[in-house]
Amino acid sequence: MKKNIQKSETGLVIGKFYPPHKGHKFLIDTALKNSEKVFVIVCYKNDESIPGELRAKWIREIHPEAEVLLVDDDLTGKLTHSSPEEISKAWAEYTVQILGFSPDAVYTSEEYGARYAKFMGAKHVLADKERVKVPISATKIRKNPLLYWEYLLPPVRAYFTKRITVVGAESTGTTTMAKALAEHYKTSWVPEYGRTYWEGKLNSPEASIWRTGEFIHIADMQNKMEDDLARTANKILICDTDSFATTLWHERYMKFLSPEVEKLSSNRKYDLYLLTDIDIPFVQDGTRDGENIRAGMHQRFIAELKKNKKPFVLLSGSHEARLEKAAKECDKVLSKVVAH
């Protein structure tokens, strides 16, 4: 006969979650399984590279059943010369102050957990202290997130994914290159939403009429598709255009740059832009303006990429030559390890 396990009324998990990983998920899942109500305290400092608010947002998404509290860690610095007992006691008092009560159970994977729980009069549950079930630490991930990709959860993967954008004038092979790179790296790629939108309105009586609101919509949808697909990427995401390119297409059709469209691309970060050259034949597929504007658009891309200090390389020659160069440049991006 299976023995019924009595659940604690309130459970607590506390940490930096810098960043959250599958080990943290195991810990919080353990708390959720054994407590009626679970509180997760996310501690942060302003000098940390991944904002505390973002980490708390990730935890809320991964564990919607838990109540997540974001707490400014202004206590650690004051306890530099304190003993382990004093540190645990101070954190216990601070925790009770934050929660407004003492939790019934505290779940940790650390030795300090027993002392910390004791000062709150709570039961301590030690989960996977030896990191056998999930052999990873946030410190290792920060040093090389791509190396420990299997331990990251979708929203965290999206944050660390290397983003490569293929841009260029019409009929220069951007989509062909994006698909080829995605196949090469066995990863996700982001289609050009603007083309889908244009094809959708192609037979409309107002097909040739464009409005700024449409470009705002296109840029916003491109961003959303990219962020969603970044969660499924295999370390690197290939984007067939981006909202930065949308600003230039707005300029092309509306004859001016739009601050609203530019705003949608202003805080987007990309590791590399691949600019497709105009040295291949123009193919009119029934949706393109014409070969006469290719050179002008090509120069606008070069000018704006340089102006905005965006890292880019030019892809010229045959598809095979372009793909070889693109892959070499992407490999360089993947080989760069920046500690967070």
C-alpha atoms as a PDB file:
ATOM      1  CA  MET A   1       0.000   0.000   0.000  1.00  0.00           C
ATOM      2  CA  LYS A   2       1.382   3.390  -1.019  1.00  0.00           C
ATOM      3  CA  LYS A   3       1.992   5.679   1.910  1.00  0.00           C
ATOM      4  CA  ASN A   4       0.390   9.122   1.729  1.00  0.00           C
ATOM      5  CA  ILE A   5       2.920  11.921   2.082  1.00  0.00           C
ATOM      6  CA  GLN A   6       1.766  14.917   4.085  1.00  0.00           C
ATOM      7  CA  LYS A   7       2.342  18.119   2.186  1.00  0.00           C
ATOM      8  CA  SER A   8       3.732  21.214   3.882  1.00  0.00           C
ATOM      9  CA  GLU A   9       1.436  24.224   3.738  1.00  0.00           C
ATOM     10  CA  THR A  10       4.123  26.638   2.520  1.00  0.00           C
ATOM     11  CA  GLY A  11       7.400  25.867   0.813  1.00  0.00           C
ATOM     12  CA  LEU A  12      10.269  28.203  -0.021  1.00  0.00           C
ATOM     13  CA  VAL A  13      13.042  28.162  -2.618  1.00  0.00           C
ATOM     14  CA  ILE A  14      15.572  30.997  -2.618  1.00  0.00           C
ATOM     15  CA  GLY A  15      18.459  31.777  -4.951  1.00  0.00           C
ATOM     16  CA  LYS A  16      19.944  34.010  -7.617  1.00  0.00           C
ATOM     17  CA  PHE A  17      18.894  31.787 -10.520  1.00  0.00           C
ATOM     18  CA  TYR A  18      21.699  33.410 -12.483  1.00  0.00           C
ATOM     19  CA  PRO A  19      20.529  32.007 -14.867  1.00  0.00           C
ATOM     20  CA  PRO A  20      17.745  29.494 -14.158  1.00  0.00           C
ATOM     21  CA  HIS A  21      18.571  25.969 -15.355  1.00  0.00           C
ATOM     22  CA  LYS A  22      17.198  22.434 -15.140  1.00  0.00           C
ATOM     23  CA  GLY A  23      18.741  21.953 -11.704  1.00  0.00           C
ATOM     24  CA  HIS A  24      16.698  24.874 -10.413  1.00  0.00           C
ATOM     25  CA  LYS A  25      13.644  23.429 -12.131  1.00  0.00           C
ATOM     26  CA  PHE A  26      14.158  20.105 -10.350  1.00  0.00           C
ATOM     27  CA  LEU A  27      14.409  21.917  -7.005  1.00  0.00           C
ATOM     28  CA  ILE A  28      11.298  24.028  -7.540  1.00  0.00           C
ATOM     29  CA  ASP A  29       9.363  21.055  -8.913  1.00  0.00           C
ATOM     30  CA  THR A  30      10.287  19.149  -5.743  1.00  0.00           C
ATOM     31  CA  ALA A  31       8.922  22.011  -3.644  1.00  0.00           C
ATOM     32  CA  LEU A  32       5.730  22.206  -5.708  1.00  0.00           C
ATOM     33  CA  LYS A  33       5.191  18.469  -5.364  1.00  0.00           C
ATOM     34  CA  ASN A  34       5.514  18.558  -1.588  1.00  0.00           C
ATOM     35  CA  SER A  35       3.965  21.902  -0.621  1.00  0.00           C
ATOM     36  CA  GLU A  36       0.507  23.385  -0.987  1.00  0.00           C
ATOM     37  CA  LYS A  37       1.931  26.836  -1.789  1.00  0.00           C
ATOM     38  CA  VAL A  38       5.463  27.596  -2.965  1.00  0.00           C
ATOM     39  CA  PHE A  39       7.274  30.913  -2.830  1.00  0.00           C
ATOM     40  CA  VAL A  40      10.393  31.486  -4.907  1.00  0.00           C
ATOM     41  CA  ILE A  41      12.654  34.374  -3.917  1.00  0.00           C
ATOM     42  CA  VAL A  42      14.924  35.637  -6.683  1.00  0.00           C
ATOM     43  CA  CYS A  43      17.827  37.667  -5.289  1.00  0.00           C
ATOM     44  CA  TYR A  44      19.581  40.167  -7.540  1.00  0.00           C
ATOM     45  CA  LYS A  45      22.262  42.850  -7.602  1.00  0.00           C
ATOM     46  CA  ASN A  46      22.299  45.760 -10.025  1.00  0.00           C
ATOM     47  CA  ASP A  47      25.768  44.902 -11.368  1.00  0.00           C
ATOM     48  CA  GLU A  48      24.758  41.426 -12.593  1.00  0.00           C
ATOM     49  CA  SER A  49      24.756  40.983 -16.366  1.00  0.00           C
ATOM     50  CA  ILE A  50      21.349  39.283 -16.506  1.00  0.00           C
ATOM     51  CA  PRO A  51      18.771  41.604 -14.901  1.00  0.00           C
ATOM     52  CA  GLY A  52      16.961  40.244 -11.879  1.00  0.00           C
ATOM     53  CA  GLU A  53      13.583  41.183 -13.341  1.00  0.00           C
ATOM     54  CA  LEU A  54      14.310  39.051 -16.386  1.00  0.00           C
ATOM     55  CA  ARG A  55      15.330  36.060 -14.259  1.00  0.00           C
ATOM     56  CA  ALA A  56      12.152  36.422 -12.193  1.00  0.00           C
ATOM     57  CA  LYS A  57      10.123  36.597 -15.409  1.00  0.00           C
ATOM     58  CA  TRP A  58      11.701  33.349 -16.596  1.00  0.00           C
ATOM     59  CA  ILE A  59      10.909  31.608 -13.294  1.00  0.00           C
ATOM     60  CA  ARG A  60       7.290  32.796 -13.468  1.00  0.00           C
ATOM     61  CA  GLU A  61       6.975  31.364 -16.965  1.00  0.00           C
ATOM     62  CA  ILE A  62       8.618  28.052 -16.103  1.00  0.00           C
ATOM     63  CA  HIS A  63       6.689  27.687 -12.821  1.00  0.00           C
ATOM     64  CA  PRO A  64       3.362  29.541 -13.106  1.00  0.00           C
ATOM     65  CA  GLU A  65       2.069  27.714 -10.002  1.00  0.00           C
ATOM     66  CA  ALA A  66       4.699  29.338  -7.764  1.00  0.00           C
ATOM     67  CA  GLU A  67       4.627  32.853  -6.373  1.00  0.00           C
ATOM     68  CA  VAL A  68       7.868  34.552  -7.431  1.00  0.00           C
ATOM     69  CA  LEU A  69       9.289  37.471  -5.447  1.00  0.00           C
ATOM     70  CA  LEU A  70      12.165  39.628  -6.671  1.00  0.00           C
ATOM     71  CA  VAL A  71      14.421  40.877  -3.869  1.00  0.00           C
ATOM     72  CA  ASP A  72      17.314  43.317  -3.972  1.00  0.00           C
ATOM     73  CA  ASP A  73      20.293  41.572  -2.387  1.00  0.00           C
ATOM     74  CA  ASP A  74      21.626  44.441  -0.311  1.00  0.00           C
ATOM     75  CA  LEU A  75      22.339  42.102   2.577  1.00  0.00           C
ATOM     76  CA  THR A  76      25.279  40.013   1.314  1.00  0.00           C
ATOM     77  CA  GLY A  77      27.685  42.945   1.222  1.00  0.00           C
ATOM     78  CA  LYS A  78      26.931  43.761   4.852  1.00  0.00           C
ATOM     79  CA  LEU A  79      27.759  40.220   5.963  1.00  0.00           C
ATOM     80  CA  THR A  80      31.218  39.925   4.381  1.00  0.00           C
ATOM     81  CA  HIS A  81      33.006  39.277   7.660  1.00  0.00           C
ATOM     82  CA  SER A  82      30.193  37.336   9.336  1.00  0.00           C
ATOM     83  CA  SER A  83      30.253  33.646  10.292  1.00  0.00           C
ATOM     84  CA  PRO A  84      28.095  31.081   8.438  1.00  0.00           C
ATOM     85  CA  GLU A  85      25.721  31.022  11.423  1.00  0.00           C
ATOM     86  CA  GLU A  86      25.376  34.811  11.428  1.00  0.00           C
ATOM     87  CA  ILE A  87      24.810  34.882   7.673  1.00  0.00           C
ATOM     88  CA  SER A  88      22.085  32.222   7.856  1.00  0.00           C
ATOM     89  CA  LYS A  89      20.395  33.970  10.776  1.00  0.00           C
ATOM     90  CA  ALA A  90      20.424  37.333   8.997  1.00  0.00           C
ATOM     91  CA  TRP A  91      18.998  35.834   5.805  1.00  0.00           C
ATOM     92  CA  ALA A  92      16.340  33.960   7.784  1.00  0.00           C
ATOM     93  CA  GLU A  93      15.212  37.191   9.465  1.00  0.00           C
ATOM     94  CA  TYR A  94      15.248  39.012   6.122  1.00  0.00           C
ATOM     95  CA  THR A  95      13.197  36.225   4.521  1.00  0.00           C
ATOM     96  CA  VAL A  96      10.532  36.340   7.225  1.00  0.00           C
ATOM     97  CA  GLN A  97      10.402  40.109   6.764  1.00  0.00           C
ATOM     98  CA  ILE A  98       9.889  39.662   3.001  1.00  0.00           C
ATOM     99  CA  LEU A  99       7.254  36.935   3.281  1.00  0.00           C
ATOM    100  CA  GLY A 100       5.520  38.242   6.371  1.00  0.00           C
ATOM    101  CA  PHE A 101       5.657  34.764   7.928  1.00  0.00           C
ATOM    102  CA  SER A 102       7.949  31.767   8.408  1.00  0.00           C
ATOM    103  CA  PRO A 103       7.614  29.048   5.746  1.00  0.00           C
ATOM    104  CA  ASP A 104       6.908  25.483   6.807  1.00  0.00           C
ATOM    105  CA  ALA A 105       9.620  23.987   4.579  1.00  0.00           C
ATOM    106  CA  VAL A 106      12.737  25.249   2.833  1.00  0.00           C
ATOM    107  CA  TYR A 107      14.060  23.447  -0.243  1.00  0.00           C
ATOM    108  CA  THR A 108      17.736  23.811  -1.171  1.00  0.00           C
ATOM    109  CA  SER A 109      20.613  21.913  -2.733  1.00  0.00           C
ATOM    110  CA  GLU A 110      23.163  23.554  -0.426  1.00  0.00           C
ATOM    111  CA  GLU A 111      24.660  22.867   2.992  1.00  0.00           C
ATOM    112  CA  TYR A 112      23.579  26.272   4.297  1.00  0.00           C
ATOM    113  CA  GLY A 113      19.940  25.231   3.881  1.00  0.00           C
ATOM    114  CA  ALA A 114      19.717  23.421   7.224  1.00  0.00           C
ATOM    115  CA  ARG A 115      21.023  26.425   9.184  1.00  0.00           C
ATOM    116  CA  TYR A 116      18.867  28.854   7.216  1.00  0.00           C
ATOM    117  CA  ALA A 117      15.720  26.775   7.763  1.00  0.00           C
ATOM    118  CA  LYS A 118      16.478  26.273  11.464  1.00  0.00           C
ATOM    119  CA  PHE A 119      16.455  30.007  12.157  1.00  0.00           C
ATOM    120  CA  MET A 120      12.949  30.218  10.650  1.00  0.00           C
ATOM    121  CA  GLY A 121      11.705  27.164  12.499  1.00  0.00           C
ATOM    122  CA  ALA A 122      11.177  25.447   9.162  1.00  0.00           C
ATOM    123  CA  LYS A 123      11.829  21.920   7.925  1.00  0.00           C
ATOM    124  CA  HIS A 124      14.763  21.628   5.539  1.00  0.00           C
ATOM    125  CA  VAL A 125      14.498  19.461   2.429  1.00  0.00           C
ATOM    126  CA  LEU A 126      17.837  18.794   0.734  1.00  0.00           C
ATOM    127  CA  ALA A 127      17.423  18.011  -2.961  1.00  0.00           C
ATOM    128  CA  ASP A 128      20.213  16.673  -5.193  1.00  0.00           C
ATOM    129  CA  LYS A 129      23.061  18.192  -3.175  1.00  0.00           C
ATOM    130  CA  GLU A 130      25.674  16.189  -5.094  1.00  0.00           C
ATOM    131  CA  ARG A 131      24.203  17.340  -8.445  1.00  0.00           C
ATOM    132  CA  VAL A 132      23.649  13.744  -9.538  1.00  0.00           C
ATOM    133  CA  LYS A 133      20.222  14.180 -11.098  1.00  0.00           C
ATOM    134  CA  VAL A 134      21.155  17.460 -12.812  1.00  0.00           C
ATOM    135  CA  PRO A 135      24.969  17.867 -12.926  1.00  0.00           C
ATOM    136  CA  ILE A 136      25.202  21.586 -13.623  1.00  0.00           C
ATOM    137  CA  SER A 137      25.681  24.963 -11.919  1.00  0.00           C
ATOM    138  CA  ALA A 138      24.783  28.500 -12.946  1.00  0.00           C
ATOM    139  CA  THR A 139      28.463  29.469 -12.671  1.00  0.00           C
ATOM    140  CA  LYS A 140      29.415  26.950 -15.355  1.00  0.00           C
ATOM    141  CA  ILE A 141      26.604  28.138 -17.596  1.00  0.00           C
ATOM    142  CA  ARG A 142      27.629  31.784 -17.303  1.00  0.00           C
ATOM    143  CA  LYS A 143      31.166  30.878 -18.338  1.00  0.00           C
ATOM    144  CA  ASN A 144      30.060  29.002 -21.444  1.00  0.00           C
ATOM    145  CA  PRO A 145      26.276  28.788 -21.991  1.00  0.00           C
ATOM    146  CA  LEU A 146      26.563  27.063 -25.364  1.00  0.00           C
ATOM    147  CA  LEU A 147      28.605  24.218 -23.852  1.00  0.00           C
ATOM    148  CA  TYR A 148      25.822  23.423 -21.378  1.00  0.00           C
ATOM    149  CA  TRP A 149      22.927  23.990 -23.769  1.00  0.00           C
ATOM    150  CA  GLU A 150      21.101  20.808 -22.715  1.00  0.00           C
ATOM    151  CA  TYR A 151      20.579  22.203 -19.224  1.00  0.00           C
ATOM    152  CA  LEU A 152      18.905  25.417 -20.361  1.00  0.00           C
ATOM    153  CA  LEU A 153      15.155  25.920 -20.580  1.00  0.00           C
ATOM    154  CA  PRO A 154      13.460  27.546 -23.633  1.00  0.00           C
ATOM    155  CA  PRO A 155      13.252  31.194 -22.443  1.00  0.00           C
ATOM    156  CA  VAL A 156      16.861  31.054 -21.234  1.00  0.00           C
ATOM    157  CA  ARG A 157      17.998  29.459 -24.490  1.00  0.00           C
ATOM    158  CA  ALA A 158      16.388  32.330 -26.382  1.00  0.00           C
ATOM    159  CA  TYR A 159      18.499  34.761 -24.338  1.00  0.00           C
ATOM    160  CA  PHE A 160      21.803  33.000 -25.048  1.00  0.00           C
ATOM    161  CA  THR A 161      21.091  32.028 -28.667  1.00  0.00           C
ATOM    162  CA  LYS A 162      23.496  33.564 -31.190  1.00  0.00           C
ATOM    163  CA  ARG A 163      21.446  35.542 -33.694  1.00  0.00           C
ATOM    164  CA  ILE A 164      22.543  35.824 -37.305  1.00  0.00           C
ATOM    165  CA  THR A 165      20.581  38.020 -39.720  1.00  0.00           C
ATOM    166  CA  VAL A 166      20.691  37.727 -43.505  1.00  0.00           C
ATOM    167  CA  VAL A 167      19.787  41.004 -45.223  1.00  0.00           C
ATOM    168  CA  GLY A 168      19.988  42.352 -48.742  1.00  0.00           C
ATOM    169  CA  ALA A 169      18.236  43.979 -51.667  1.00  0.00           C
ATOM    170  CA  GLU A 170      15.574  42.134 -53.640  1.00  0.00           C
ATOM    171  CA  SER A 171      16.516  38.922 -55.434  1.00  0.00           C
ATOM    172  CA  THR A 172      19.934  38.590 -53.825  1.00  0.00           C
ATOM    173  CA  GLY A 173      19.432  35.172 -52.228  1.00  0.00           C
ATOM    174  CA  THR A 174      18.634  36.071 -48.616  1.00  0.00           C
ATOM    175  CA  THR A 175      16.018  33.344 -48.147  1.00  0.00           C
ATOM    176  CA  THR A 176      18.115  30.743 -49.936  1.00  0.00           C
ATOM    177  CA  MET A 177      21.040  31.563 -47.646  1.00  0.00           C
ATOM    178  CA  ALA A 178      18.936  31.560 -44.470  1.00  0.00           C
ATOM    179  CA  LYS A 179      17.508  28.122 -45.261  1.00  0.00           C
ATOM    180  CA  ALA A 180      20.933  26.725 -46.183  1.00  0.00           C
ATOM    181  CA  LEU A 181      22.524  27.963 -42.962  1.00  0.00           C
ATOM    182  CA  ALA A 182      19.674  26.607 -40.863  1.00  0.00           C
ATOM    183  CA  GLU A 183      20.136  23.212 -42.511  1.00  0.00           C
ATOM    184  CA  HIS A 184      23.913  23.400 -42.019  1.00  0.00           C
ATOM    185  CA  TYR A 185      23.577  24.078 -38.280  1.00  0.00           C
ATOM    186  CA  LYS A 186      20.484  21.910 -37.772  1.00  0.00           C
ATOM    187  CA  THR A 187      18.704  24.848 -36.241  1.00  0.00           C
ATOM    188  CA  SER A 188      15.668  27.083 -36.595  1.00  0.00           C
ATOM    189  CA  TRP A 189      15.355  29.968 -39.036  1.00  0.00           C
ATOM    190  CA  VAL A 190      12.985  32.943 -39.101  1.00  0.00           C
ATOM    191  CA  PRO A 191      11.073  33.554 -42.360  1.00  0.00           C
ATOM    192  CA  GLU A 192      10.526  37.073 -43.673  1.00  0.00           C
ATOM    193  CA  TYR A 193       7.111  38.103 -42.364  1.00  0.00           C
ATOM    194  CA  GLY A 194       6.968  41.141 -44.650  1.00  0.00           C
ATOM    195  CA  ARG A 195       6.993  38.949 -47.738  1.00  0.00           C
ATOM    196  CA  THR A 196       4.117  36.849 -46.402  1.00  0.00           C
ATOM    197  CA  TYR A 197       2.188  40.034 -45.653  1.00  0.00           C
ATOM    198  CA  TRP A 198       2.897  41.445 -49.133  1.00  0.00           C
ATOM    199  CA  GLU A 199       1.829  38.220 -50.850  1.00  0.00           C
ATOM    200  CA  GLY A 200      -1.341  38.279 -48.784  1.00  0.00           C
ATOM    201  CA  LYS A 201      -2.361  41.712 -50.054  1.00  0.00           C
ATOM    202  CA  LEU A 202      -1.060  41.229 -53.614  1.00  0.00           C
ATOM    203  CA  ASN A 203      -4.502  40.925 -55.227  1.00  0.00           C
ATOM    204  CA  SER A 204      -6.050  43.729 -53.216  1.00  0.00           C
ATOM    205  CA  PRO A 205      -7.143  46.904 -55.068  1.00  0.00           C
ATOM    206  CA  GLU A 206      -4.783  48.772 -52.707  1.00  0.00           C
ATOM    207  CA  ALA A 207      -1.876  46.373 -53.131  1.00  0.00           C
ATOM    208  CA  SER A 208       0.491  49.137 -54.217  1.00  0.00           C
ATOM    209  CA  ILE A 209      -0.509  51.480 -51.400  1.00  0.00           C
ATOM    210  CA  TRP A 210       1.600  51.275 -48.263  1.00  0.00           C
ATOM    211  CA  ARG A 211       1.081  52.892 -44.876  1.00  0.00           C
ATOM    212  CA  THR A 212       3.462  53.363 -41.969  1.00  0.00           C
ATOM    213  CA  GLY A 213       1.143  51.327 -39.748  1.00  0.00           C
ATOM    214  CA  GLU A 214       1.710  48.298 -41.953  1.00  0.00           C
ATOM    215  CA  PHE A 215       5.467  48.524 -41.507  1.00  0.00           C
ATOM    216  CA  ILE A 216       5.035  48.896 -37.758  1.00  0.00           C
ATOM    217  CA  HIS A 217       2.963  45.708 -37.819  1.00  0.00           C
ATOM    218  CA  ILE A 218       5.524  43.917 -40.001  1.00  0.00           C
ATOM    219  CA  ALA A 219       8.449  44.921 -37.760  1.00  0.00           C
ATOM    220  CA  ASP A 220       6.563  43.910 -34.613  1.00  0.00           C
ATOM    221  CA  MET A 221       5.568  40.525 -36.051  1.00  0.00           C
ATOM    222  CA  GLN A 222       9.125  39.906 -37.284  1.00  0.00           C
ATOM    223  CA  ASN A 223      10.416  40.515 -33.747  1.00  0.00           C
ATOM    224  CA  LYS A 224       7.810  38.222 -32.204  1.00  0.00           C
ATOM    225  CA  MET A 225       8.459  35.388 -34.661  1.00  0.00           C
ATOM    226  CA  GLU A 226      12.169  35.686 -34.037  1.00  0.00           C
ATOM    227  CA  ASP A 227      11.849  35.622 -30.255  1.00  0.00           C
ATOM    228  CA  ASP A 228       9.517  32.621 -30.388  1.00  0.00           C
ATOM    229  CA  LEU A 229      11.766  30.662 -32.736  1.00  0.00           C
ATOM    230  CA  ALA A 230      14.869  31.550 -30.689  1.00  0.00           C
ATOM    231  CA  ARG A 231      13.466  29.240 -28.011  1.00  0.00           C
ATOM    232  CA  THR A 232      13.723  26.308 -30.428  1.00  0.00           C
ATOM    233  CA  ALA A 233      17.148  27.148 -31.862  1.00  0.00           C
ATOM    234  CA  ASN A 234      20.198  24.918 -31.640  1.00  0.00           C
ATOM    235  CA  LYS A 235      22.571  27.530 -30.199  1.00  0.00           C
ATOM    236  CA  ILE A 236      22.332  29.711 -33.323  1.00  0.00           C
ATOM    237  CA  LEU A 237      19.268  31.297 -34.947  1.00  0.00           C
ATOM    238  CA  ILE A 238      19.233  32.314 -38.608  1.00  0.00           C
ATOM    239  CA  CYS A 239      16.983  35.269 -39.420  1.00  0.00           C
ATOM    240  CA  ASP A 240      15.843  36.016 -42.966  1.00  0.00           C
ATOM    241  CA  THR A 241      15.762  39.818 -42.438  1.00  0.00           C
ATOM    242  CA  ASP A 242      14.859  41.668 -39.215  1.00  0.00           C
ATOM    243  CA  SER A 243      13.074  44.793 -38.007  1.00  0.00           C
ATOM    244  CA  PHE A 244      16.180  46.887 -38.783  1.00  0.00           C
ATOM    245  CA  ALA A 245      15.780  45.941 -42.455  1.00  0.00           C
ATOM    246  CA  THR A 246      12.087  46.843 -42.192  1.00  0.00           C
ATOM    247  CA  THR A 247      13.094  50.440 -41.416  1.00  0.00           C
ATOM    248  CA  LEU A 248      14.883  50.630 -44.769  1.00  0.00           C
ATOM    249  CA  TRP A 249      11.988  49.081 -46.668  1.00  0.00           C
ATOM    250  CA  HIS A 250       9.715  51.648 -45.041  1.00  0.00           C
ATOM    251  CA  GLU A 251      12.048  54.338 -46.332  1.00  0.00           C
ATOM    252  CA  ARG A 252      11.987  52.756 -49.796  1.00  0.00           C
ATOM    253  CA  TYR A 253       8.191  52.808 -50.108  1.00  0.00           C
ATOM    254  CA  MET A 254       7.246  55.781 -47.920  1.00  0.00           C
ATOM    255  CA  LYS A 255      10.250  58.003 -48.847  1.00  0.00           C
ATOM    256  CA  PHE A 256      11.164  58.685 -45.211  1.00  0.00           C
ATOM    257  CA  LEU A 257      12.419  56.863 -42.136  1.00  0.00           C
ATOM    258  CA  SER A 258       9.824  56.158 -39.456  1.00  0.00           C
ATOM    259  CA  PRO A 259      10.747  56.765 -35.795  1.00  0.00           C
ATOM    260  CA  GLU A 260       8.033  54.265 -34.797  1.00  0.00           C
ATOM    261  CA  VAL A 261       9.497  51.510 -36.972  1.00  0.00           C
ATOM    262  CA  GLU A 262      13.041  52.394 -35.902  1.00  0.00           C
ATOM    263  CA  LYS A 263      12.019  52.123 -32.256  1.00  0.00           C
ATOM    264  CA  LEU A 264      10.996  48.493 -32.784  1.00  0.00           C
ATOM    265  CA  SER A 265      14.535  47.635 -33.884  1.00  0.00           C
ATOM    266  CA  SER A 266      16.502  49.952 -31.606  1.00  0.00           C
ATOM    267  CA  ASN A 267      17.098  47.511 -28.729  1.00  0.00           C
ATOM    268  CA  ARG A 268      17.508  44.339 -30.760  1.00  0.00           C
ATOM    269  CA  LYS A 269      20.921  42.655 -30.507  1.00  0.00           C
ATOM    270  CA  TYR A 270      22.468  40.542 -33.257  1.00  0.00           C
ATOM    271  CA  ASP A 271      25.822  38.823 -33.357  1.00  0.00           C
ATOM    272  CA  LEU A 272      26.333  39.150 -37.106  1.00  0.00           C
ATOM    273  CA  TYR A 273      24.695  40.462 -40.263  1.00  0.00           C
ATOM    274  CA  LEU A 274      25.265  38.691 -43.568  1.00  0.00           C
ATOM    275  CA  LEU A 275      24.706  41.095 -46.472  1.00  0.00           C
ATOM    276  CA  THR A 276      23.961  39.365 -49.778  1.00  0.00           C
ATOM    277  CA  ASP A 277      25.618  41.001 -52.796  1.00  0.00           C
ATOM    278  CA  ILE A 278      23.904  42.098 -56.024  1.00  0.00           C
ATOM    279  CA  ASP A 279      26.307  40.121 -58.224  1.00  0.00           C
ATOM    280  CA  ILE A 280      23.741  37.440 -59.125  1.00  0.00           C
ATOM    281  CA  PRO A 281      21.002  37.696 -61.795  1.00  0.00           C
ATOM    282  CA  PHE A 282      17.771  39.450 -60.839  1.00  0.00           C
ATOM    283  CA  VAL A 283      14.718  37.165 -60.925  1.00  0.00           C
ATOM    284  CA  GLN A 284      11.283  38.750 -61.158  1.00  0.00           C
ATOM    285  CA  ASP A 285       8.819  36.516 -59.330  1.00  0.00           C
ATOM    286  CA  GLY A 286       5.858  38.845 -59.732  1.00  0.00           C
ATOM    287  CA  THR A 287       6.229  40.504 -56.317  1.00  0.00           C
ATOM    288  CA  ARG A 288       9.470  42.461 -56.712  1.00  0.00           C
ATOM    289  CA  ASP A 289       9.952  46.122 -57.658  1.00  0.00           C
ATOM    290  CA  GLY A 290      12.618  45.642 -60.265  1.00  0.00           C
ATOM    291  CA  GLU A 291      16.330  45.371 -60.856  1.00  0.00           C
ATOM    292  CA  ASN A 292      16.747  49.131 -61.182  1.00  0.00           C
ATOM    293  CA  ILE A 293      16.477  49.687 -57.417  1.00  0.00           C
ATOM    294  CA  ARG A 294      18.781  46.847 -56.319  1.00  0.00           C
ATOM    295  CA  ALA A 295      22.009  48.844 -56.394  1.00  0.00           C
ATOM    296  CA  GLY A 296      20.483  51.725 -54.467  1.00  0.00           C
ATOM    297  CA  MET A 297      19.049  49.455 -51.760  1.00  0.00           C
ATOM    298  CA  HIS A 298      22.337  47.582 -51.530  1.00  0.00           C
ATOM    299  CA  GLN A 299      24.196  50.820 -50.828  1.00  0.00           C
ATOM    300  CA  ARG A 300      21.572  51.871 -48.262  1.00  0.00           C
ATOM    301  CA  PHE A 301      22.108  48.615 -46.384  1.00  0.00           C
ATOM    302  CA  ILE A 302      25.866  49.158 -46.356  1.00  0.00           C
ATOM    303  CA  ALA A 303      25.495  52.770 -45.218  1.00  0.00           C
ATOM    304  CA  GLU A 304      23.041  51.998 -42.409  1.00  0.00           C
ATOM    305  CA  LEU A 305      24.893  48.920 -41.189  1.00  0.00           C
ATOM    306  CA  LYS A 306      28.038  51.021 -40.883  1.00  0.00           C
ATOM    307  CA  LYS A 307      26.219  53.997 -39.387  1.00  0.00           C
ATOM    308  CA  ASN A 308      24.650  51.822 -36.686  1.00  0.00           C
ATOM    309  CA  LYS A 309      27.931  49.962 -36.079  1.00  0.00           C
ATOM    310  CA  LYS A 310      26.354  46.595 -36.810  1.00  0.00           C
ATOM    311  CA  PRO A 311      28.872  43.785 -37.444  1.00  0.00           C
ATOM    312  CA  PHE A 312      28.469  42.542 -41.015  1.00  0.00           C
ATOM    313  CA  VAL A 313      30.206  40.704 -43.831  1.00  0.00           C
ATOM    314  CA  LEU A 314      29.422  40.786 -47.544  1.00  0.00           C
ATOM    315  CA  LEU A 315      28.507  37.510 -49.250  1.00  0.00           C
ATOM    316  CA  SER A 316      29.414  37.477 -52.951  1.00  0.00           C
ATOM    317  CA  GLY A 317      29.864  34.937 -55.723  1.00  0.00           C
ATOM    318  CA  SER A 318      28.142  31.597 -56.175  1.00  0.00           C
ATOM    319  CA  HIS A 319      25.776  30.145 -53.583  1.00  0.00           C
ATOM    320  CA  GLU A 320      28.453  27.608 -52.602  1.00  0.00           C
ATOM    321  CA  ALA A 321      31.057  30.343 -52.094  1.00  0.00           C
ATOM    322  CA  ARG A 322      28.615  32.449 -50.094  1.00  0.00           C
ATOM    323  CA  LEU A 323      27.600  29.538 -47.894  1.00  0.00           C
ATOM    324  CA  GLU A 324      31.206  28.593 -47.186  1.00  0.00           C
ATOM    325  CA  LYS A 325      32.044  32.150 -46.128  1.00  0.00           C
ATOM    326  CA  ALA A 326      28.849  32.515 -44.109  1.00  0.00           C
ATOM    327  CA  ALA A 327      29.495  29.274 -42.228  1.00  0.00           C
ATOM    328  CA  LYS A 328      33.058  30.338 -41.390  1.00  0.00           C
ATOM    329  CA  GLU A 329      31.805  33.644 -40.011  1.00  0.00           C
ATOM    330  CA  CYS A 330      29.044  31.936 -38.018  1.00  0.00           C
ATOM    331  CA  ASP A 331      31.580  29.474 -36.605  1.00  0.00           C
ATOM    332  CA  LYS A 332      33.597  32.449 -35.343  1.00  0.00           C
ATOM    333  CA  VAL A 333      30.506  33.743 -33.555  1.00  0.00           C
ATOM    334  CA  LEU A 334      29.852  30.345 -31.994  1.00  0.00           C
ATOM    335  CA  SER A 335      33.459  30.028 -30.843  1.00  0.00           C
ATOM    336  CA  LYS A 336      33.379  33.269 -28.876  1.00  0.00           C
ATOM    337  CA  VAL A 337      32.766  32.561 -25.210  1.00  0.00           C
ATOM    338  CA  VAL A 338      31.836  35.626 -23.210  1.00  0.00           C
ATOM    339  CA  ALA A 339      31.405  35.130 -19.495  1.00  0.00           C
ATOM    340  CA  HIS A 340      28.173  36.587 -18.163  1.00  0.00           C
END
